[in-house]
Amino acid sequence: MNLCNFAYDNNRIEFPNEESRRFCQGIWLEEWVGNELRELNRRVKLQDYASSIKIKSGTDTENEIDAAFLYKNRLYLIECKAADLGKDAKSAPPLYKLDSLHLRPGMFTEMILASYQPLDPYGKRRAADLGIQVVEMSSLLGLATCLEKMISPKGR
């Protein structure tokens, strides 16, 4: 797939289509997480895992979560962010989204924010207060290992 055409005049990048633009904007991280879930499944045999899941409330309000997996009857929801969450309290919306979904699927649902960029100190404190695990920056390279530690009895 040709993701982008580079135009050297005006130092611009032109994308051949909207799908390519969205991939470069952040869908690539969701794909990365999906690959890491496949690796985690190979290691520990998950009950199930999926990407781009829609969760509906009782009033038909729909939310999409980027990835999820089920291990030992515990559901883990993962929100992926490639944007710079370290500026202007940008970490708040994904954290609040995860917090709002926390009890919908079940009482023992675990929340994870996978961020390509570091969270600001406020975001890190807020995530800790809300019980949301954060995997950021270079830790994403070993996401399957990080998740395996989270789901081990000592990791919880």
N, C-alpha and C. Protein backbone atom coordinates (compact mmCIF):
# COMPACT_ATOMS: atom_id res chain seq x y z
N MET A 1 0.85 -1.18 0.00
CA MET A 1 0.00 0.00 0.00
C MET A 1 0.89 1.24 0.00
N ASN A 2 0.63 2.15 -0.88
CA ASN A 2 1.36 3.41 -0.94
C ASN A 2 0.70 4.39 0.04
N LEU A 3 1.33 4.59 1.19
CA LEU A 3 0.71 5.39 2.22
C LEU A 3 0.76 6.88 1.95
N CYS A 4 1.83 7.35 1.37
CA CYS A 4 1.89 8.79 1.13
C CYS A 4 2.82 9.11 -0.03
N ASN A 5 2.50 10.17 -0.71
CA ASN A 5 3.34 10.72 -1.76
C ASN A 5 3.96 11.99 -1.21
N PHE A 6 5.24 12.11 -1.35
CA PHE A 6 5.91 13.29 -0.82
C PHE A 6 6.05 14.33 -1.91
N ALA A 7 5.60 15.51 -1.63
CA ALA A 7 5.80 16.65 -2.53
C ALA A 7 6.92 17.47 -1.93
N TYR A 8 7.99 17.63 -2.67
CA TYR A 8 9.15 18.32 -2.14
C TYR A 8 9.04 19.82 -2.22
N ASP A 9 8.09 20.31 -2.96
CA ASP A 9 7.88 21.75 -2.97
C ASP A 9 7.04 22.12 -1.75
N ASN A 10 7.37 23.18 -1.10
CA ASN A 10 6.68 23.66 0.10
C ASN A 10 6.78 22.71 1.29
N ASN A 11 7.70 21.74 1.24
CA ASN A 11 7.90 20.80 2.35
C ASN A 11 6.59 20.20 2.84
N ARG A 12 5.82 19.66 1.94
CA ARG A 12 4.51 19.08 2.28
C ARG A 12 4.51 17.59 2.05
N ILE A 13 3.61 16.95 2.74
CA ILE A 13 3.33 15.53 2.48
C ILE A 13 1.90 15.47 1.96
N GLU A 14 1.73 14.85 0.83
CA GLU A 14 0.38 14.67 0.27
C GLU A 14 0.02 13.20 0.36
N PHE A 15 -1.16 12.94 0.87
CA PHE A 15 -1.63 11.57 1.00
C PHE A 15 -2.52 11.22 -0.20
N PRO A 16 -2.38 10.02 -0.73
CA PRO A 16 -3.17 9.64 -1.90
C PRO A 16 -4.67 9.50 -1.60
N ASN A 17 -4.99 9.25 -0.32
CA ASN A 17 -6.41 9.11 0.04
C ASN A 17 -6.57 9.29 1.55
N GLU A 18 -7.83 9.36 1.98
CA GLU A 18 -8.15 9.58 3.40
C GLU A 18 -7.69 8.41 4.26
N GLU A 19 -7.79 7.22 3.76
CA GLU A 19 -7.36 6.03 4.52
C GLU A 19 -5.87 6.12 4.86
N SER A 20 -5.07 6.55 3.92
CA SER A 20 -3.63 6.70 4.16
C SER A 20 -3.36 7.79 5.17
N ARG A 21 -4.07 8.89 5.09
CA ARG A 21 -3.89 9.99 6.04
C ARG A 21 -4.23 9.53 7.45
N ARG A 22 -5.36 8.82 7.60
CA ARG A 22 -5.77 8.34 8.92
C ARG A 22 -4.78 7.33 9.48
N PHE A 23 -4.23 6.47 8.61
CA PHE A 23 -3.24 5.50 9.07
C PHE A 23 -2.04 6.21 9.67
N CYS A 24 -1.52 7.20 8.97
CA CYS A 24 -0.36 7.93 9.45
C CYS A 24 -0.69 8.81 10.66
N GLN A 25 -1.93 9.22 10.77
CA GLN A 25 -2.35 10.07 11.89
C GLN A 25 -2.42 9.29 13.20
N GLY A 26 -2.62 7.98 13.16
CA GLY A 26 -2.67 7.25 14.42
C GLY A 26 -3.20 5.83 14.34
N ILE A 27 -3.81 5.47 13.22
CA ILE A 27 -4.32 4.10 13.09
C ILE A 27 -3.17 3.09 13.17
N TRP A 28 -1.97 3.52 12.78
CA TRP A 28 -0.80 2.64 12.84
C TRP A 28 -0.60 2.11 14.26
N LEU A 29 -0.88 2.95 15.27
CA LEU A 29 -0.69 2.51 16.66
C LEU A 29 -1.71 1.43 17.02
N GLU A 30 -2.94 1.58 16.54
CA GLU A 30 -3.95 0.55 16.79
C GLU A 30 -3.52 -0.78 16.13
N GLU A 31 -2.94 -0.69 14.94
CA GLU A 31 -2.44 -1.89 14.26
C GLU A 31 -1.30 -2.52 15.08
N TRP A 32 -0.43 -1.66 15.60
CA TRP A 32 0.69 -2.15 16.43
C TRP A 32 0.16 -2.90 17.64
N VAL A 33 -0.81 -2.31 18.33
CA VAL A 33 -1.38 -2.93 19.52
C VAL A 33 -2.04 -4.26 19.14
N GLY A 34 -2.74 -4.30 18.02
CA GLY A 34 -3.34 -5.57 17.55
C GLY A 34 -2.29 -6.65 17.34
N ASN A 35 -1.15 -6.29 16.76
CA ASN A 35 -0.06 -7.25 16.56
C ASN A 35 0.50 -7.72 17.90
N GLU A 36 0.62 -6.81 18.86
CA GLU A 36 1.12 -7.17 20.17
C GLU A 36 0.13 -8.08 20.92
N LEU A 37 -1.17 -7.88 20.69
CA LEU A 37 -2.17 -8.78 21.29
C LEU A 37 -2.07 -10.18 20.69
N ARG A 38 -1.78 -10.27 19.39
CA ARG A 38 -1.56 -11.58 18.77
C ARG A 38 -0.35 -12.27 19.41
N GLU A 39 0.70 -11.50 19.67
CA GLU A 39 1.89 -12.06 20.32
C GLU A 39 1.57 -12.48 21.76
N LEU A 40 0.83 -11.67 22.47
CA LEU A 40 0.42 -12.02 23.83
C LEU A 40 -0.41 -13.30 23.83
N ASN A 41 -1.31 -13.42 22.87
CA ASN A 41 -2.13 -14.62 22.74
C ASN A 41 -1.27 -15.86 22.49
N ARG A 42 -0.23 -15.70 21.69
CA ARG A 42 0.69 -16.81 21.41
C ARG A 42 1.38 -17.25 22.70
N ARG A 43 1.68 -16.30 23.58
CA ARG A 43 2.40 -16.61 24.82
C ARG A 43 1.52 -17.19 25.92
N VAL A 44 0.33 -16.60 26.14
CA VAL A 44 -0.47 -16.98 27.30
C VAL A 44 -1.85 -17.53 26.96
N LYS A 45 -2.21 -17.60 25.74
CA LYS A 45 -3.51 -18.09 25.28
C LYS A 45 -4.67 -17.29 25.91
N LEU A 46 -4.95 -16.15 25.31
CA LEU A 46 -6.06 -15.31 25.76
C LEU A 46 -7.38 -16.01 25.46
N GLN A 47 -8.42 -15.66 26.20
CA GLN A 47 -9.74 -16.20 25.90
C GLN A 47 -10.27 -15.57 24.60
N ASP A 48 -9.97 -14.29 24.40
CA ASP A 48 -10.38 -13.59 23.18
C ASP A 48 -9.67 -12.25 23.13
N TYR A 49 -9.58 -11.69 21.93
CA TYR A 49 -9.04 -10.34 21.75
C TYR A 49 -9.58 -9.78 20.45
N ALA A 50 -9.66 -8.45 20.39
CA ALA A 50 -10.23 -7.79 19.21
C ALA A 50 -9.79 -6.33 19.16
N SER A 51 -10.02 -5.73 18.01
CA SER A 51 -9.73 -4.30 17.81
C SER A 51 -10.99 -3.58 17.37
N SER A 52 -11.01 -2.28 17.56
CA SER A 52 -12.13 -1.41 17.14
C SER A 52 -13.48 -1.96 17.60
N ILE A 53 -13.67 -1.96 18.89
CA ILE A 53 -14.88 -2.51 19.49
C ILE A 53 -15.84 -1.40 19.83
N LYS A 54 -17.10 -1.58 19.52
CA LYS A 54 -18.13 -0.61 19.87
C LYS A 54 -18.83 -1.07 21.14
N ILE A 55 -18.96 -0.14 22.09
CA ILE A 55 -19.64 -0.43 23.35
C ILE A 55 -20.85 0.50 23.41
N LYS A 56 -22.04 -0.10 23.56
CA LYS A 56 -23.27 0.69 23.64
C LYS A 56 -23.78 0.74 25.07
N SER A 57 -24.26 1.91 25.44
CA SER A 57 -24.86 2.06 26.76
C SER A 57 -26.33 1.64 26.67
N GLY A 58 -27.01 1.66 27.80
CA GLY A 58 -28.43 1.33 27.84
C GLY A 58 -29.27 2.32 27.04
N THR A 59 -28.74 3.53 26.82
CA THR A 59 -29.47 4.54 26.05
C THR A 59 -28.97 4.61 24.61
N ASP A 60 -28.28 3.57 24.17
CA ASP A 60 -27.74 3.46 22.82
C ASP A 60 -26.64 4.46 22.49
N THR A 61 -26.03 5.06 23.50
CA THR A 61 -24.86 5.88 23.27
C THR A 61 -23.72 4.93 22.92
N GLU A 62 -23.03 5.23 21.82
CA GLU A 62 -22.01 4.31 21.34
C GLU A 62 -20.62 4.91 21.56
N ASN A 63 -19.72 4.11 22.11
CA ASN A 63 -18.32 4.46 22.25
C ASN A 63 -17.49 3.40 21.56
N GLU A 64 -16.38 3.82 21.00
CA GLU A 64 -15.48 2.84 20.39
C GLU A 64 -14.21 2.77 21.22
N ILE A 65 -13.77 1.56 21.48
CA ILE A 65 -12.51 1.35 22.17
C ILE A 65 -11.57 0.70 21.17
N ASP A 66 -10.30 1.06 21.21
CA ASP A 66 -9.37 0.65 20.16
C ASP A 66 -9.03 -0.83 20.19
N ALA A 67 -8.91 -1.41 21.38
CA ALA A 67 -8.57 -2.83 21.47
C ALA A 67 -9.03 -3.36 22.83
N ALA A 68 -9.18 -4.67 22.88
CA ALA A 68 -9.58 -5.32 24.14
C ALA A 68 -9.13 -6.76 24.11
N PHE A 69 -8.93 -7.31 25.29
CA PHE A 69 -8.67 -8.74 25.39
C PHE A 69 -9.25 -9.27 26.68
N LEU A 70 -9.53 -10.55 26.66
CA LEU A 70 -10.11 -11.25 27.81
C LEU A 70 -9.13 -12.32 28.25
N TYR A 71 -8.76 -12.29 29.53
CA TYR A 71 -7.85 -13.28 30.08
C TYR A 71 -8.31 -13.65 31.47
N LYS A 72 -8.51 -14.94 31.70
CA LYS A 72 -8.99 -15.46 32.98
C LYS A 72 -10.23 -14.70 33.45
N ASN A 73 -11.17 -14.53 32.54
CA ASN A 73 -12.47 -13.88 32.80
C ASN A 73 -12.35 -12.43 33.24
N ARG A 74 -11.25 -11.79 32.95
CA ARG A 74 -11.06 -10.36 33.24
C ARG A 74 -10.89 -9.65 31.90
N LEU A 75 -11.67 -8.58 31.71
CA LEU A 75 -11.64 -7.82 30.47
C LEU A 75 -10.68 -6.65 30.60
N TYR A 76 -9.84 -6.47 29.59
CA TYR A 76 -8.89 -5.37 29.52
C TYR A 76 -9.23 -4.52 28.30
N LEU A 77 -9.49 -3.23 28.51
CA LEU A 77 -9.80 -2.31 27.42
C LEU A 77 -8.59 -1.41 27.19
N ILE A 78 -8.23 -1.21 25.92
CA ILE A 78 -7.05 -0.42 25.57
C ILE A 78 -7.45 0.73 24.66
N GLU A 79 -7.11 1.93 25.07
CA GLU A 79 -7.28 3.13 24.24
C GLU A 79 -5.90 3.52 23.73
N CYS A 80 -5.78 3.76 22.43
CA CYS A 80 -4.50 4.09 21.80
C CYS A 80 -4.47 5.57 21.43
N LYS A 81 -3.36 6.22 21.71
CA LYS A 81 -3.19 7.63 21.34
C LYS A 81 -1.79 7.85 20.80
N ALA A 82 -1.72 8.36 19.57
CA ALA A 82 -0.43 8.68 18.95
C ALA A 82 -0.11 10.17 19.11
N ALA A 83 -1.10 10.98 19.46
CA ALA A 83 -0.91 12.42 19.60
C ALA A 83 -0.06 12.75 20.82
N ASP A 84 0.45 13.96 20.85
CA ASP A 84 1.25 14.43 21.98
C ASP A 84 0.32 14.75 23.15
N LEU A 85 0.26 13.86 24.13
CA LEU A 85 -0.62 14.04 25.28
C LEU A 85 0.05 14.80 26.41
N GLY A 86 1.28 15.23 26.20
CA GLY A 86 2.00 15.92 27.25
C GLY A 86 1.77 17.42 27.25
N LYS A 87 0.95 17.92 26.34
CA LYS A 87 0.72 19.36 26.24
C LYS A 87 -0.74 19.70 26.49
N ASP A 88 -0.96 20.82 27.16
CA ASP A 88 -2.30 21.40 27.30
C ASP A 88 -3.35 20.43 27.83
N ALA A 89 -2.98 19.57 28.76
CA ALA A 89 -3.91 18.62 29.39
C ALA A 89 -4.64 17.76 28.37
N LYS A 90 -3.96 17.40 27.27
CA LYS A 90 -4.58 16.56 26.24
C LYS A 90 -4.77 15.13 26.70
N SER A 91 -4.18 14.75 27.83
CA SER A 91 -4.36 13.39 28.33
C SER A 91 -5.73 13.22 28.98
N ALA A 92 -6.39 14.31 29.34
CA ALA A 92 -7.67 14.22 30.05
C ALA A 92 -8.75 13.49 29.24
N PRO A 93 -9.01 13.85 27.96
CA PRO A 93 -10.10 13.17 27.25
C PRO A 93 -9.97 11.65 27.15
N PRO A 94 -8.80 11.09 26.76
CA PRO A 94 -8.75 9.63 26.71
C PRO A 94 -8.86 8.98 28.09
N LEU A 95 -8.33 9.65 29.12
CA LEU A 95 -8.44 9.10 30.47
C LEU A 95 -9.89 9.09 30.94
N TYR A 96 -10.59 10.19 30.70
CA TYR A 96 -12.00 10.26 31.10
C TYR A 96 -12.87 9.30 30.29
N LYS A 97 -12.51 9.11 29.03
CA LYS A 97 -13.24 8.14 28.20
C LYS A 97 -13.10 6.75 28.81
N LEU A 98 -11.87 6.36 29.14
CA LEU A 98 -11.66 5.05 29.76
C LEU A 98 -12.39 4.94 31.09
N ASP A 99 -12.33 5.99 31.88
CA ASP A 99 -13.00 5.97 33.18
C ASP A 99 -14.51 5.84 33.01
N SER A 100 -15.07 6.51 32.00
CA SER A 100 -16.52 6.44 31.79
C SER A 100 -16.96 5.05 31.34
N LEU A 101 -16.06 4.32 30.70
CA LEU A 101 -16.40 2.96 30.23
C LEU A 101 -16.10 1.89 31.27
N HIS A 102 -15.45 2.28 32.34
CA HIS A 102 -14.93 1.33 33.33
C HIS A 102 -15.93 0.29 33.80
N LEU A 103 -17.11 0.71 34.19
CA LEU A 103 -18.06 -0.25 34.77
C LEU A 103 -19.05 -0.82 33.76
N ARG A 104 -19.09 -0.29 32.55
CA ARG A 104 -20.07 -0.79 31.56
C ARG A 104 -19.91 -2.28 31.28
N PRO A 105 -18.70 -2.74 30.91
CA PRO A 105 -18.58 -4.16 30.60
C PRO A 105 -18.58 -5.05 31.84
N GLY A 106 -18.24 -4.52 32.99
CA GLY A 106 -18.21 -5.33 34.20
C GLY A 106 -17.32 -4.73 35.26
N MET A 107 -17.55 -5.14 36.45
CA MET A 107 -16.90 -4.58 37.61
C MET A 107 -15.38 -4.77 37.62
N PHE A 108 -14.89 -5.84 37.03
CA PHE A 108 -13.46 -6.14 37.08
C PHE A 108 -12.73 -5.77 35.79
N THR A 109 -13.29 -4.86 35.03
CA THR A 109 -12.67 -4.42 33.80
C THR A 109 -11.44 -3.58 34.12
N GLU A 110 -10.36 -3.85 33.42
CA GLU A 110 -9.11 -3.12 33.59
C GLU A 110 -8.93 -2.18 32.40
N MET A 111 -8.43 -0.98 32.66
CA MET A 111 -8.25 0.02 31.63
C MET A 111 -6.76 0.28 31.38
N ILE A 112 -6.42 0.41 30.09
CA ILE A 112 -5.02 0.66 29.70
C ILE A 112 -5.01 1.76 28.65
N LEU A 113 -4.12 2.73 28.84
CA LEU A 113 -3.90 3.76 27.83
C LEU A 113 -2.53 3.50 27.21
N ALA A 114 -2.52 3.25 25.90
CA ALA A 114 -1.28 3.05 25.15
C ALA A 114 -0.99 4.35 24.42
N SER A 115 0.06 5.05 24.84
CA SER A 115 0.37 6.36 24.29
C SER A 115 1.76 6.39 23.67
N TYR A 116 1.82 6.82 22.42
CA TYR A 116 3.10 6.94 21.73
C TYR A 116 3.97 8.04 22.35
N GLN A 117 3.33 9.08 22.86
CA GLN A 117 4.02 10.20 23.48
C GLN A 117 3.85 10.11 25.00
N PRO A 118 4.74 10.75 25.75
CA PRO A 118 4.60 10.71 27.22
C PRO A 118 3.42 11.56 27.69
N LEU A 119 2.81 11.12 28.76
CA LEU A 119 1.75 11.92 29.38
C LEU A 119 2.39 13.00 30.24
N ASP A 120 1.68 14.09 30.40
CA ASP A 120 2.14 15.14 31.30
C ASP A 120 2.00 14.64 32.74
N PRO A 121 2.70 15.25 33.71
CA PRO A 121 2.63 14.79 35.11
C PRO A 121 1.19 14.74 35.64
N TYR A 122 0.37 15.73 35.28
CA TYR A 122 -1.02 15.72 35.72
C TYR A 122 -1.74 14.48 35.18
N GLY A 123 -1.53 14.18 33.90
CA GLY A 123 -2.16 13.00 33.28
C GLY A 123 -1.73 11.71 33.95
N LYS A 124 -0.47 11.61 34.31
CA LYS A 124 0.03 10.41 34.99
C LYS A 124 -0.63 10.25 36.36
N ARG A 125 -0.74 11.36 37.10
CA ARG A 125 -1.42 11.30 38.41
C ARG A 125 -2.89 10.95 38.25
N ARG A 126 -3.55 11.57 37.28
CA ARG A 126 -4.97 11.31 37.03
C ARG A 126 -5.17 9.84 36.66
N ALA A 127 -4.32 9.30 35.80
CA ALA A 127 -4.42 7.88 35.42
C ALA A 127 -4.28 6.99 36.65
N ALA A 128 -3.30 7.30 37.50
CA ALA A 128 -3.10 6.51 38.72
C ALA A 128 -4.32 6.61 39.62
N ASP A 129 -4.87 7.81 39.78
CA ASP A 129 -6.06 8.00 40.61
C ASP A 129 -7.26 7.21 40.09
N LEU A 130 -7.35 7.11 38.76
CA LEU A 130 -8.48 6.41 38.14
C LEU A 130 -8.23 4.91 37.98
N GLY A 131 -7.03 4.45 38.34
CA GLY A 131 -6.70 3.03 38.21
C GLY A 131 -6.45 2.61 36.77
N ILE A 132 -6.00 3.54 35.94
CA ILE A 132 -5.74 3.25 34.53
C ILE A 132 -4.24 3.01 34.36
N GLN A 133 -3.90 1.85 33.81
CA GLN A 133 -2.51 1.54 33.52
C GLN A 133 -2.08 2.35 32.30
N VAL A 134 -0.89 2.90 32.31
CA VAL A 134 -0.37 3.66 31.18
C VAL A 134 0.87 2.97 30.64
N VAL A 135 0.87 2.72 29.33
CA VAL A 135 2.05 2.20 28.64
C VAL A 135 2.39 3.27 27.61
N GLU A 136 3.58 3.84 27.74
CA GLU A 136 3.92 4.97 26.88
C GLU A 136 5.31 4.83 26.28
N MET A 137 5.49 5.53 25.20
CA MET A 137 6.76 5.68 24.51
C MET A 137 7.45 4.35 24.23
N SER A 138 8.69 4.22 24.65
CA SER A 138 9.48 3.04 24.29
C SER A 138 8.93 1.75 24.90
N SER A 139 8.12 1.84 25.93
CA SER A 139 7.50 0.64 26.50
C SER A 139 6.56 -0.04 25.51
N LEU A 140 6.09 0.73 24.52
CA LEU A 140 5.22 0.14 23.50
C LEU A 140 5.96 -0.90 22.67
N LEU A 141 7.28 -0.77 22.58
CA LEU A 141 8.06 -1.75 21.82
C LEU A 141 7.95 -3.14 22.43
N GLY A 142 7.78 -3.20 23.71
CA GLY A 142 7.60 -4.48 24.40
C GLY A 142 6.22 -4.61 24.99
N LEU A 143 5.21 -4.14 24.27
CA LEU A 143 3.85 -4.12 24.82
C LEU A 143 3.37 -5.51 25.23
N ALA A 144 3.63 -6.52 24.43
CA ALA A 144 3.16 -7.87 24.79
C ALA A 144 3.75 -8.30 26.13
N THR A 145 5.03 -8.01 26.34
CA THR A 145 5.69 -8.35 27.61
C THR A 145 5.09 -7.53 28.75
N CYS A 146 4.86 -6.25 28.49
CA CYS A 146 4.27 -5.37 29.51
C CYS A 146 2.88 -5.87 29.91
N LEU A 147 2.07 -6.23 28.92
CA LEU A 147 0.72 -6.74 29.20
C LEU A 147 0.78 -8.08 29.93
N GLU A 148 1.75 -8.91 29.56
CA GLU A 148 1.90 -10.21 30.22
C GLU A 148 2.21 -10.00 31.71
N LYS A 149 3.03 -9.01 32.03
CA LYS A 149 3.32 -8.70 33.44
C LYS A 149 2.08 -8.16 34.15
N MET A 150 1.29 -7.36 33.44
CA MET A 150 0.07 -6.81 34.04
C MET A 150 -0.92 -7.90 34.41
N ILE A 151 -1.04 -8.92 33.57
CA ILE A 151 -2.07 -9.94 33.80
C ILE A 151 -1.59 -11.07 34.71
N SER A 152 -0.29 -11.08 35.02
CA SER A 152 0.19 -12.12 35.93
C SER A 152 -0.33 -11.82 37.32
N PRO A 153 -0.46 -12.81 38.17
CA PRO A 153 -0.99 -12.57 39.52
C PRO A 153 -0.20 -11.51 40.29
N LYS A 154 1.11 -11.43 40.07
CA LYS A 154 1.93 -10.44 40.76
C LYS A 154 1.74 -9.05 40.13
N GLY A 155 1.34 -8.99 38.86
CA GLY A 155 1.19 -7.72 38.15
C GLY A 155 -0.04 -6.94 38.53
N ARG A 156 -1.02 -7.60 39.13
CA ARG A 156 -2.27 -6.91 39.50
C ARG A 156 -2.23 -6.41 40.89
